[in-house]
PDB file of all heavy atoms in Angstrom:
ATOM      1  N   GLY A   1       0.758  -1.231   0.000  1.00  0.00           N
ATOM      2  CA  GLY A   1       0.000   0.000   0.000  1.00  0.00           C
ATOM      3  C   GLY A   1       0.790   1.283   0.000  1.00  0.00           C
ATOM      4  O   GLY A   1       0.216   2.351  -0.076  1.00  0.00           O
ATOM      5  N   MET A   2       2.120   1.224   0.128  1.00  0.00           N
ATOM      6  CA  MET A   2       2.959   2.410  -0.048  1.00  0.00           C
ATOM      7  C   MET A   2       2.530   3.561   0.872  1.00  0.00           C
ATOM      8  O   MET A   2       2.097   4.612   0.442  1.00  0.00           O
ATOM      9  CB  MET A   2       2.935   2.859  -1.511  1.00  0.00           C
ATOM     10  CG  MET A   2       4.138   3.686  -1.921  1.00  0.00           C
ATOM     11  SD  MET A   2       4.039   4.157  -3.651  1.00  0.00           S
ATOM     12  CE  MET A   2       5.593   5.051  -3.820  1.00  0.00           C
ATOM     13  N   ARG A   3       2.699   3.333   2.168  1.00  0.00           N
ATOM     14  CA  ARG A   3       2.251   4.326   3.154  1.00  0.00           C
ATOM     15  C   ARG A   3       2.998   5.651   3.043  1.00  0.00           C
ATOM     16  O   ARG A   3       4.140   5.706   2.606  1.00  0.00           O
ATOM     17  CB  ARG A   3       2.483   3.790   4.574  1.00  0.00           C
ATOM     18  CG  ARG A   3       1.441   2.851   5.048  1.00  0.00           C
ATOM     19  CD  ARG A   3       1.533   2.638   6.540  1.00  0.00           C
ATOM     20  NE  ARG A   3       2.647   1.791   6.931  1.00  0.00           N
ATOM     21  CZ  ARG A   3       2.847   1.375   8.185  1.00  0.00           C
ATOM     22  NH1 ARG A   3       2.022   1.732   9.142  1.00  0.00           N
ATOM     23  NH2 ARG A   3       3.867   0.601   8.468  1.00  0.00           N
ATOM     24  N   GLU A   4       2.324   6.725   3.507  1.00  0.00           N
ATOM     25  CA  GLU A   4       2.980   8.011   3.719  1.00  0.00           C
ATOM     26  C   GLU A   4       3.587   8.042   5.122  1.00  0.00           C
ATOM     27  O   GLU A   4       3.144   7.330   6.013  1.00  0.00           O
ATOM     28  CB  GLU A   4       1.977   9.159   3.574  1.00  0.00           C
ATOM     29  CG  GLU A   4       1.514   9.371   2.154  1.00  0.00           C
ATOM     30  CD  GLU A   4       0.548  10.537   2.020  1.00  0.00           C
ATOM     31  OE1 GLU A   4       0.100  11.060   3.062  1.00  0.00           O
ATOM     32  OE2 GLU A   4       0.249  10.922   0.887  1.00  0.00           O
ATOM     33  N   MET A   5       4.598   8.911   5.288  1.00  0.00           N
ATOM     34  CA  MET A   5       5.391   8.905   6.519  1.00  0.00           C
ATOM     35  C   MET A   5       5.358  10.242   7.253  1.00  0.00           C
ATOM     36  O   MET A   5       6.338  10.651   7.842  1.00  0.00           O
ATOM     37  CB  MET A   5       6.854   8.564   6.177  1.00  0.00           C
ATOM     38  CG  MET A   5       7.025   7.343   5.299  1.00  0.00           C
ATOM     39  SD  MET A   5       6.608   5.827   6.154  1.00  0.00           S
ATOM     40  CE  MET A   5       6.751   4.648   4.819  1.00  0.00           C
ATOM     41  N   LEU A   6       4.237  10.942   7.241  1.00  0.00           N
ATOM     42  CA  LEU A   6       4.198  12.270   7.853  1.00  0.00           C
ATOM     43  C   LEU A   6       4.443  12.239   9.353  1.00  0.00           C
ATOM     44  O   LEU A   6       5.084  13.140   9.902  1.00  0.00           O
ATOM     45  CB  LEU A   6       2.849  12.937   7.567  1.00  0.00           C
ATOM     46  CG  LEU A   6       2.639  14.321   8.177  1.00  0.00           C
ATOM     47  CD1 LEU A   6       3.690  15.307   7.694  1.00  0.00           C
ATOM     48  CD2 LEU A   6       1.244  14.847   7.860  1.00  0.00           C
ATOM     49  N   SER A   7       3.953  11.228  10.040  1.00  0.00           N
ATOM     50  CA  SER A   7       4.127  11.196  11.496  1.00  0.00           C
ATOM     51  C   SER A   7       5.606  11.188  11.873  1.00  0.00           C
ATOM     52  O   SER A   7       6.028  11.880  12.805  1.00  0.00           O
ATOM     53  CB  SER A   7       3.423   9.975  12.090  1.00  0.00           C
ATOM     54  OG  SER A   7       2.022  10.080  11.944  1.00  0.00           O
ATOM     55  N   THR A   8       6.407  10.409  11.154  1.00  0.00           N
ATOM     56  CA  THR A   8       7.835  10.324  11.450  1.00  0.00           C
ATOM     57  C   THR A   8       8.547  11.626  11.110  1.00  0.00           C
ATOM     58  O   THR A   8       9.323  12.157  11.914  1.00  0.00           O
ATOM     59  CB  THR A   8       8.465   9.153  10.672  1.00  0.00           C
ATOM     60  OG1 THR A   8       7.780   7.944  11.022  1.00  0.00           O
ATOM     61  CG2 THR A   8       9.940   9.012  11.013  1.00  0.00           C
ATOM     62  N   THR A   9       8.287  12.169   9.930  1.00  0.00           N
ATOM     63  CA  THR A   9       8.975  13.400   9.538  1.00  0.00           C
ATOM     64  C   THR A   9       8.539  14.572  10.409  1.00  0.00           C
ATOM     65  O   THR A   9       9.353  15.409  10.797  1.00  0.00           O
ATOM     66  CB  THR A   9       8.706  13.740   8.059  1.00  0.00           C
ATOM     67  OG1 THR A   9       7.307  13.921   7.845  1.00  0.00           O
ATOM     68  CG2 THR A   9       9.197  12.628   7.148  1.00  0.00           C
ATOM     69  N   ALA A  10       7.249  14.630  10.736  1.00  0.00           N
ATOM     70  CA  ALA A  10       6.758  15.720  11.581  1.00  0.00           C
ATOM     71  C   ALA A  10       7.356  15.628  12.975  1.00  0.00           C
ATOM     72  O   ALA A  10       7.662  16.658  13.604  1.00  0.00           O
ATOM     73  CB  ALA A  10       5.233  15.685  11.643  1.00  0.00           C
ATOM     74  N   ALA A  11       7.530  14.399  13.489  1.00  0.00           N
ATOM     75  CA  ALA A  11       8.125  14.234  14.811  1.00  0.00           C
ATOM     76  C   ALA A  11       9.560  14.757  14.829  1.00  0.00           C
ATOM     77  O   ALA A  11       9.989  15.401  15.802  1.00  0.00           O
ATOM     78  CB  ALA A  11       8.087  12.764  15.227  1.00  0.00           C
ATOM     79  N   ILE A  12      10.299  14.504  13.763  1.00  0.00           N
ATOM     80  CA  ILE A  12      11.678  14.992  13.691  1.00  0.00           C
ATOM     81  C   ILE A  12      11.704  16.514  13.683  1.00  0.00           C
ATOM     82  O   ILE A  12      12.506  17.143  14.386  1.00  0.00           O
ATOM     83  CB  ILE A  12      12.378  14.410  12.441  1.00  0.00           C
ATOM     84  CG1 ILE A  12      12.601  12.905  12.626  1.00  0.00           C
ATOM     85  CG2 ILE A  12      13.699  15.121  12.160  1.00  0.00           C
ATOM     86  CD1 ILE A  12      13.056  12.188  11.374  1.00  0.00           C
ATOM     87  N   TYR A  13      10.795  17.128  12.896  1.00  0.00           N
ATOM     88  CA  TYR A  13      10.730  18.594  12.886  1.00  0.00           C
ATOM     89  C   TYR A  13      10.301  19.133  14.242  1.00  0.00           C
ATOM     90  O   TYR A  13      10.807  20.154  14.711  1.00  0.00           O
ATOM     91  CB  TYR A  13       9.783  19.085  11.784  1.00  0.00           C
ATOM     92  CG  TYR A  13      10.542  19.529  10.562  1.00  0.00           C
ATOM     93  CD1 TYR A  13      10.861  18.623   9.561  1.00  0.00           C
ATOM     94  CD2 TYR A  13      10.994  20.833  10.426  1.00  0.00           C
ATOM     95  CE1 TYR A  13      11.584  19.015   8.441  1.00  0.00           C
ATOM     96  CE2 TYR A  13      11.722  21.240   9.314  1.00  0.00           C
ATOM     97  CZ  TYR A  13      12.010  20.328   8.323  1.00  0.00           C
ATOM     98  OH  TYR A  13      12.737  20.717   7.228  1.00  0.00           O
ATOM     99  N   GLY A  14       9.371  18.429  14.876  1.00  0.00           N
ATOM    100  CA  GLY A  14       8.940  18.855  16.194  1.00  0.00           C
ATOM    101  C   GLY A  14      10.050  18.811  17.222  1.00  0.00           C
ATOM    102  O   GLY A  14      10.056  19.583  18.187  1.00  0.00           O
ATOM    103  N   GLN A  15      11.013  17.910  16.999  1.00  0.00           N
ATOM    104  CA  GLN A  15      12.175  17.817  17.882  1.00  0.00           C
ATOM    105  C   GLN A  15      13.261  18.822  17.512  1.00  0.00           C
ATOM    106  O   GLN A  15      14.315  18.867  18.150  1.00  0.00           O
ATOM    107  CB  GLN A  15      12.749  16.391  17.834  1.00  0.00           C
ATOM    108  CG  GLN A  15      11.820  15.343  18.432  1.00  0.00           C
ATOM    109  CD  GLN A  15      12.306  13.919  18.194  1.00  0.00           C
ATOM    110  OE1 GLN A  15      13.378  13.699  17.615  1.00  0.00           O
ATOM    111  NE2 GLN A  15      11.517  12.943  18.611  1.00  0.00           N
ATOM    112  N   GLY A  16      13.009  19.610  16.464  1.00  0.00           N
ATOM    113  CA  GLY A  16      13.965  20.637  16.063  1.00  0.00           C
ATOM    114  C   GLY A  16      15.157  20.118  15.290  1.00  0.00           C
ATOM    115  O   GLY A  16      16.193  20.796  15.211  1.00  0.00           O
ATOM    116  N   ARG A  17      15.024  18.935  14.677  1.00  0.00           N
ATOM    117  CA  ARG A  17      16.173  18.324  14.002  1.00  0.00           C
ATOM    118  C   ARG A  17      15.896  18.047  12.523  1.00  0.00           C
ATOM    119  O   ARG A  17      16.547  17.219  11.897  1.00  0.00           O
ATOM    120  CB  ARG A  17      16.564  17.031  14.730  1.00  0.00           C
ATOM    121  CG  ARG A  17      16.843  17.266  16.204  1.00  0.00           C
ATOM    122  CD  ARG A  17      17.160  16.011  16.965  1.00  0.00           C
ATOM    123  NE  ARG A  17      18.499  15.522  16.717  1.00  0.00           N
ATOM    124  CZ  ARG A  17      19.044  14.464  17.345  1.00  0.00           C
ATOM    125  NH1 ARG A  17      18.340  13.821  18.260  1.00  0.00           N
ATOM    126  NH2 ARG A  17      20.261  14.080  17.056  1.00  0.00           N
ATOM    127  N   GLY A  18      14.931  18.775  11.965  1.00  0.00           N
ATOM    128  CA  GLY A  18      14.525  18.526  10.587  1.00  0.00           C
ATOM    129  C   GLY A  18      15.589  18.816   9.556  1.00  0.00           C
ATOM    130  O   GLY A  18      15.564  18.264   8.459  1.00  0.00           O
ATOM    131  N   ASP A  19      16.534  19.689   9.887  1.00  0.00           N
ATOM    132  CA  ASP A  19      17.567  20.058   8.903  1.00  0.00           C
ATOM    133  C   ASP A  19      18.853  19.250   9.047  1.00  0.00           C
ATOM    134  O   ASP A  19      19.781  19.438   8.260  1.00  0.00           O
ATOM    135  CB  ASP A  19      17.902  21.551   9.051  1.00  0.00           C
ATOM    136  CG  ASP A  19      16.710  22.439   8.707  1.00  0.00           C
ATOM    137  OD1 ASP A  19      15.940  22.051   7.799  1.00  0.00           O
ATOM    138  OD2 ASP A  19      16.550  23.491   9.338  1.00  0.00           O
ATOM    139  N   SER A  20      18.898  18.355  10.036  1.00  0.00           N
ATOM    140  CA  SER A  20      20.162  17.674  10.299  1.00  0.00           C
ATOM    141  C   SER A  20      20.158  16.204   9.896  1.00  0.00           C
ATOM    142  O   SER A  20      21.174  15.526  10.001  1.00  0.00           O
ATOM    143  CB  SER A  20      20.517  17.783  11.788  1.00  0.00           C
ATOM    144  OG  SER A  20      19.543  17.145  12.592  1.00  0.00           O
ATOM    145  N   VAL A  21      18.994  15.696   9.460  1.00  0.00           N
ATOM    146  CA  VAL A  21      18.922  14.310   9.003  1.00  0.00           C
ATOM    147  C   VAL A  21      18.161  14.274   7.676  1.00  0.00           C
ATOM    148  O   VAL A  21      17.470  15.223   7.314  1.00  0.00           O
ATOM    149  CB  VAL A  21      18.205  13.390  10.021  1.00  0.00           C
ATOM    150  CG1 VAL A  21      18.963  13.331  11.331  1.00  0.00           C
ATOM    151  CG2 VAL A  21      16.767  13.817  10.244  1.00  0.00           C
ATOM    152  N   ALA A  22      18.280  13.162   6.981  1.00  0.00           N
ATOM    153  CA  ALA A  22      17.504  12.911   5.766  1.00  0.00           C
ATOM    154  C   ALA A  22      16.741  11.607   5.946  1.00  0.00           C
ATOM    155  O   ALA A  22      17.095  10.783   6.809  1.00  0.00           O
ATOM    156  CB  ALA A  22      18.422  12.829   4.546  1.00  0.00           C
ATOM    157  N   LEU A  23      15.692  11.424   5.163  1.00  0.00           N
ATOM    158  CA  LEU A  23      14.927  10.179   5.174  1.00  0.00           C
ATOM    159  C   LEU A  23      14.765   9.699   3.747  1.00  0.00           C
ATOM    160  O   LEU A  23      14.563  10.503   2.829  1.00  0.00           O
ATOM    161  CB  LEU A  23      13.540  10.361   5.793  1.00  0.00           C
ATOM    162  CG  LEU A  23      13.462  10.600   7.300  1.00  0.00           C
ATOM    163  CD1 LEU A  23      13.531  12.088   7.602  1.00  0.00           C
ATOM    164  CD2 LEU A  23      12.177  10.018   7.873  1.00  0.00           C
ATOM    165  N   ILE A  24      14.841   8.385   3.553  1.00  0.00           N
ATOM    166  CA  ILE A  24      14.504   7.805   2.253  1.00  0.00           C
ATOM    167  C   ILE A  24      13.593   6.605   2.489  1.00  0.00           C
ATOM    168  O   ILE A  24      13.709   5.912   3.500  1.00  0.00           O
ATOM    169  CB  ILE A  24      15.744   7.392   1.432  1.00  0.00           C
ATOM    170  CG1 ILE A  24      16.474   6.201   2.068  1.00  0.00           C
ATOM    171  CG2 ILE A  24      16.702   8.547   1.233  1.00  0.00           C
ATOM    172  CD1 ILE A  24      17.511   5.589   1.156  1.00  0.00           C
ATOM    173  N   THR A  25      12.686   6.388   1.556  1.00  0.00           N
ATOM    174  CA  THR A  25      11.751   5.271   1.703  1.00  0.00           C
ATOM    175  C   THR A  25      11.282   4.784   0.339  1.00  0.00           C
ATOM    176  O   THR A  25      11.241   5.551  -0.629  1.00  0.00           O
ATOM    177  CB  THR A  25      10.535   5.674   2.558  1.00  0.00           C
ATOM    178  OG1 THR A  25       9.677   4.545   2.714  1.00  0.00           O
ATOM    179  CG2 THR A  25       9.758   6.819   1.919  1.00  0.00           C
ATOM    180  N   ASP A  26      10.900   3.493   0.290  1.00  0.00           N
ATOM    181  CA  ASP A  26      10.220   2.997  -0.907  1.00  0.00           C
ATOM    182  C   ASP A  26       8.713   3.209  -0.778  1.00  0.00           C
ATOM    183  O   ASP A  26       7.952   2.866  -1.667  1.00  0.00           O
ATOM    184  CB  ASP A  26      10.562   1.531  -1.195  1.00  0.00           C
ATOM    185  CG  ASP A  26      10.386   0.612   0.001  1.00  0.00           C
ATOM    186  OD1 ASP A  26       9.837   1.053   1.041  1.00  0.00           O
ATOM    187  OD2 ASP A  26      10.797  -0.571  -0.083  1.00  0.00           O
ATOM    188  N   GLY A  27       8.310   3.800   0.348  1.00  0.00           N
ATOM    189  CA  GLY A  27       6.944   4.273   0.504  1.00  0.00           C
ATOM    190  C   GLY A  27       6.832   5.699   0.011  1.00  0.00           C
ATOM    191  O   GLY A  27       7.565   6.123  -0.886  1.00  0.00           O
ATOM    192  N   ARG A  28       5.926   6.473   0.649  1.00  0.00           N
ATOM    193  CA  ARG A  28       5.672   7.832   0.190  1.00  0.00           C
ATOM    194  C   ARG A  28       5.804   8.800   1.357  1.00  0.00           C
ATOM    195  O   ARG A  28       5.832   8.399   2.516  1.00  0.00           O
ATOM    196  CB  ARG A  28       4.241   7.954  -0.366  1.00  0.00           C
ATOM    197  CG  ARG A  28       3.949   7.050  -1.524  1.00  0.00           C
ATOM    198  CD  ARG A  28       2.511   7.214  -2.004  1.00  0.00           C
ATOM    199  NE  ARG A  28       1.560   6.733  -1.008  1.00  0.00           N
ATOM    200  CZ  ARG A  28       0.535   7.428  -0.531  1.00  0.00           C
ATOM    201  NH1 ARG A  28       0.335   8.677  -0.951  1.00  0.00           N
ATOM    202  NH2 ARG A  28      -0.296   6.924   0.343  1.00  0.00           N
ATOM    203  N   PHE A  29       5.866  10.071   1.026  1.00  0.00           N
ATOM    204  CA  PHE A  29       5.777  11.118   2.031  1.00  0.00           C
ATOM    205  C   PHE A  29       4.541  11.957   1.755  1.00  0.00           C
ATOM    206  O   PHE A  29       4.157  12.175   0.603  1.00  0.00           O
ATOM    207  CB  PHE A  29       7.027  11.990   2.043  1.00  0.00           C
ATOM    208  CG  PHE A  29       8.207  11.305   2.657  1.00  0.00           C
ATOM    209  CD1 PHE A  29       9.298  10.947   1.890  1.00  0.00           C
ATOM    210  CD2 PHE A  29       8.217  10.986   4.004  1.00  0.00           C
ATOM    211  CE1 PHE A  29      10.387  10.302   2.449  1.00  0.00           C
ATOM    212  CE2 PHE A  29       9.295  10.336   4.576  1.00  0.00           C
ATOM    213  CZ  PHE A  29      10.384   9.990   3.800  1.00  0.00           C
ATOM    214  N   SER A  30       3.930  12.428   2.814  1.00  0.00           N
ATOM    215  CA  SER A  30       2.759  13.271   2.689  1.00  0.00           C
ATOM    216  C   SER A  30       3.099  14.557   1.960  1.00  0.00           C
ATOM    217  O   SER A  30       4.230  15.047   2.018  1.00  0.00           O
ATOM    218  CB  SER A  30       2.216  13.603   4.078  1.00  0.00           C
ATOM    219  OG  SER A  30       1.286  14.661   4.027  1.00  0.00           O
ATOM    220  N   GLY A  31       2.095  15.145   1.319  1.00  0.00           N
ATOM    221  CA  GLY A  31       2.278  16.468   0.734  1.00  0.00           C
ATOM    222  C   GLY A  31       2.605  17.511   1.774  1.00  0.00           C
ATOM    223  O   GLY A  31       3.119  18.587   1.458  1.00  0.00           O
ATOM    224  N   ALA A  32       2.302  17.212   3.049  1.00  0.00           N
ATOM    225  CA  ALA A  32       2.607  18.136   4.144  1.00  0.00           C
ATOM    226  C   ALA A  32       4.014  17.948   4.698  1.00  0.00           C
ATOM    227  O   ALA A  32       4.449  18.700   5.566  1.00  0.00           O
ATOM    228  CB  ALA A  32       1.588  17.959   5.276  1.00  0.00           C
ATOM    229  N   THR A  33       4.730  16.947   4.187  1.00  0.00           N
ATOM    230  CA  THR A  33       6.095  16.711   4.649  1.00  0.00           C
ATOM    231  C   THR A  33       7.024  17.814   4.154  1.00  0.00           C
ATOM    232  O   THR A  33       6.887  18.320   3.039  1.00  0.00           O
ATOM    233  CB  THR A  33       6.594  15.347   4.132  1.00  0.00           C
ATOM    234  OG1 THR A  33       5.850  14.320   4.790  1.00  0.00           O
ATOM    235  CG2 THR A  33       8.073  15.147   4.410  1.00  0.00           C
ATOM    236  N   ARG A  34       7.973  18.192   4.977  1.00  0.00           N
ATOM    237  CA  ARG A  34       9.040  19.090   4.532  1.00  0.00           C
ATOM    238  C   ARG A  34      10.358  18.531   5.035  1.00  0.00           C
ATOM    239  O   ARG A  34      10.411  17.673   5.906  1.00  0.00           O
ATOM    240  CB  ARG A  34       8.809  20.516   5.033  1.00  0.00           C
ATOM    241  CG  ARG A  34       8.680  20.669   6.538  1.00  0.00           C
ATOM    242  CD  ARG A  34       8.168  22.041   6.902  1.00  0.00           C
ATOM    243  NE  ARG A  34       7.986  22.201   8.337  1.00  0.00           N
ATOM    244  CZ  ARG A  34       8.598  23.108   9.077  1.00  0.00           C
ATOM    245  NH1 ARG A  34       9.461  23.935   8.522  1.00  0.00           N
ATOM    246  NH2 ARG A  34       8.351  23.204  10.369  1.00  0.00           N
ATOM    247  N   GLY A  35      11.457  19.041   4.459  1.00  0.00           N
ATOM    248  CA  GLY A  35      12.777  18.526   4.801  1.00  0.00           C
ATOM    249  C   GLY A  35      13.286  17.590   3.721  1.00  0.00           C
ATOM    250  O   GLY A  35      12.637  17.360   2.700  1.00  0.00           O
ATOM    251  N   PHE A  36      14.472  17.029   3.958  1.00  0.00           N
ATOM    252  CA  PHE A  36      15.121  16.166   2.963  1.00  0.00           C
ATOM    253  C   PHE A  36      14.524  14.765   3.073  1.00  0.00           C
ATOM    254  O   PHE A  36      15.080  13.872   3.713  1.00  0.00           O
ATOM    255  CB  PHE A  36      16.626  16.140   3.189  1.00  0.00           C
ATOM    256  CG  PHE A  36      17.402  16.313   1.903  1.00  0.00           C
ATOM    257  CD1 PHE A  36      18.614  16.984   1.892  1.00  0.00           C
ATOM    258  CD2 PHE A  36      16.915  15.826   0.708  1.00  0.00           C
ATOM    259  CE1 PHE A  36      19.326  17.152   0.713  1.00  0.00           C
ATOM    260  CE2 PHE A  36      17.621  15.992  -0.476  1.00  0.00           C
ATOM    261  CZ  PHE A  36      18.817  16.668  -0.465  1.00  0.00           C
ATOM    262  N   CYS A  37      13.375  14.581   2.448  1.00  0.00           N
ATOM    263  CA  CYS A  37      12.625  13.334   2.544  1.00  0.00           C
ATOM    264  C   CYS A  37      12.381  12.790   1.143  1.00  0.00           C
ATOM    265  O   CYS A  37      11.631  13.389   0.366  1.00  0.00           O
ATOM    266  CB  CYS A  37      11.302  13.564   3.271  1.00  0.00           C
ATOM    267  SG  CYS A  37      11.512  14.199   4.948  1.00  0.00           S
ATOM    268  N   ILE A  38      13.004  11.664   0.830  1.00  0.00           N
ATOM    269  CA  ILE A  38      12.962  11.098  -0.514  1.00  0.00           C
ATOM    270  C   ILE A  38      12.040   9.890  -0.509  1.00  0.00           C
ATOM    271  O   ILE A  38      12.232   8.954   0.275  1.00  0.00           O
ATOM    272  CB  ILE A  38      14.370  10.683  -0.996  1.00  0.00           C
ATOM    273  CG1 ILE A  38      15.243  11.919  -1.180  1.00  0.00           C
ATOM    274  CG2 ILE A  38      14.311   9.896  -2.294  1.00  0.00           C
ATOM    275  CD1 ILE A  38      16.098  12.261  -0.001  1.00  0.00           C
ATOM    276  N   GLY A  39      11.035   9.898  -1.371  1.00  0.00           N
ATOM    277  CA  GLY A  39      10.100   8.791  -1.466  1.00  0.00           C
ATOM    278  C   GLY A  39      10.123   8.137  -2.826  1.00  0.00           C
ATOM    279  O   GLY A  39      10.841   8.543  -3.736  1.00  0.00           O
ATOM    280  N   HIS A  40       9.306   7.061  -2.967  1.00  0.00           N
ATOM    281  CA  HIS A  40       9.103   6.344  -4.232  1.00  0.00           C
ATOM    282  C   HIS A  40      10.380   5.662  -4.702  1.00  0.00           C
ATOM    283  O   HIS A  40      10.549   5.414  -5.901  1.00  0.00           O
ATOM    284  CB  HIS A  40       8.615   7.283  -5.348  1.00  0.00           C
ATOM    285  CG  HIS A  40       7.396   8.087  -5.018  1.00  0.00           C
ATOM    286  ND1 HIS A  40       6.660   8.735  -5.979  1.00  0.00           N
ATOM    287  CD2 HIS A  40       6.782   8.364  -3.849  1.00  0.00           C
ATOM    288  CE1 HIS A  40       5.646   9.368  -5.413  1.00  0.00           C
ATOM    289  NE2 HIS A  40       5.709   9.155  -4.112  1.00  0.00           N
ATOM    290  N   VAL A  41      11.314   5.352  -3.789  1.00  0.00           N
ATOM    291  CA  VAL A  41      12.579   4.732  -4.203  1.00  0.00           C
ATOM    292  C   VAL A  41      12.290   3.372  -4.842  1.00  0.00           C
ATOM    293  O   VAL A  41      11.626   2.512  -4.255  1.00  0.00           O
ATOM    294  CB  VAL A  41      13.525   4.574  -2.991  1.00  0.00           C
ATOM    295  CG1 VAL A  41      14.772   3.789  -3.393  1.00  0.00           C
ATOM    296  CG2 VAL A  41      13.905   5.944  -2.435  1.00  0.00           C
TER     297      VAL A  41
END
């Protein structure tokens, strides 16, 4: 089903660390995601 990962990315931003890590997934990221988040791998 190729889930979106907004909860994980939002949690990282909420912790103030959104600019210091990247995420990659063969799933998807929400349109509300921001930061270095690569989906559809």
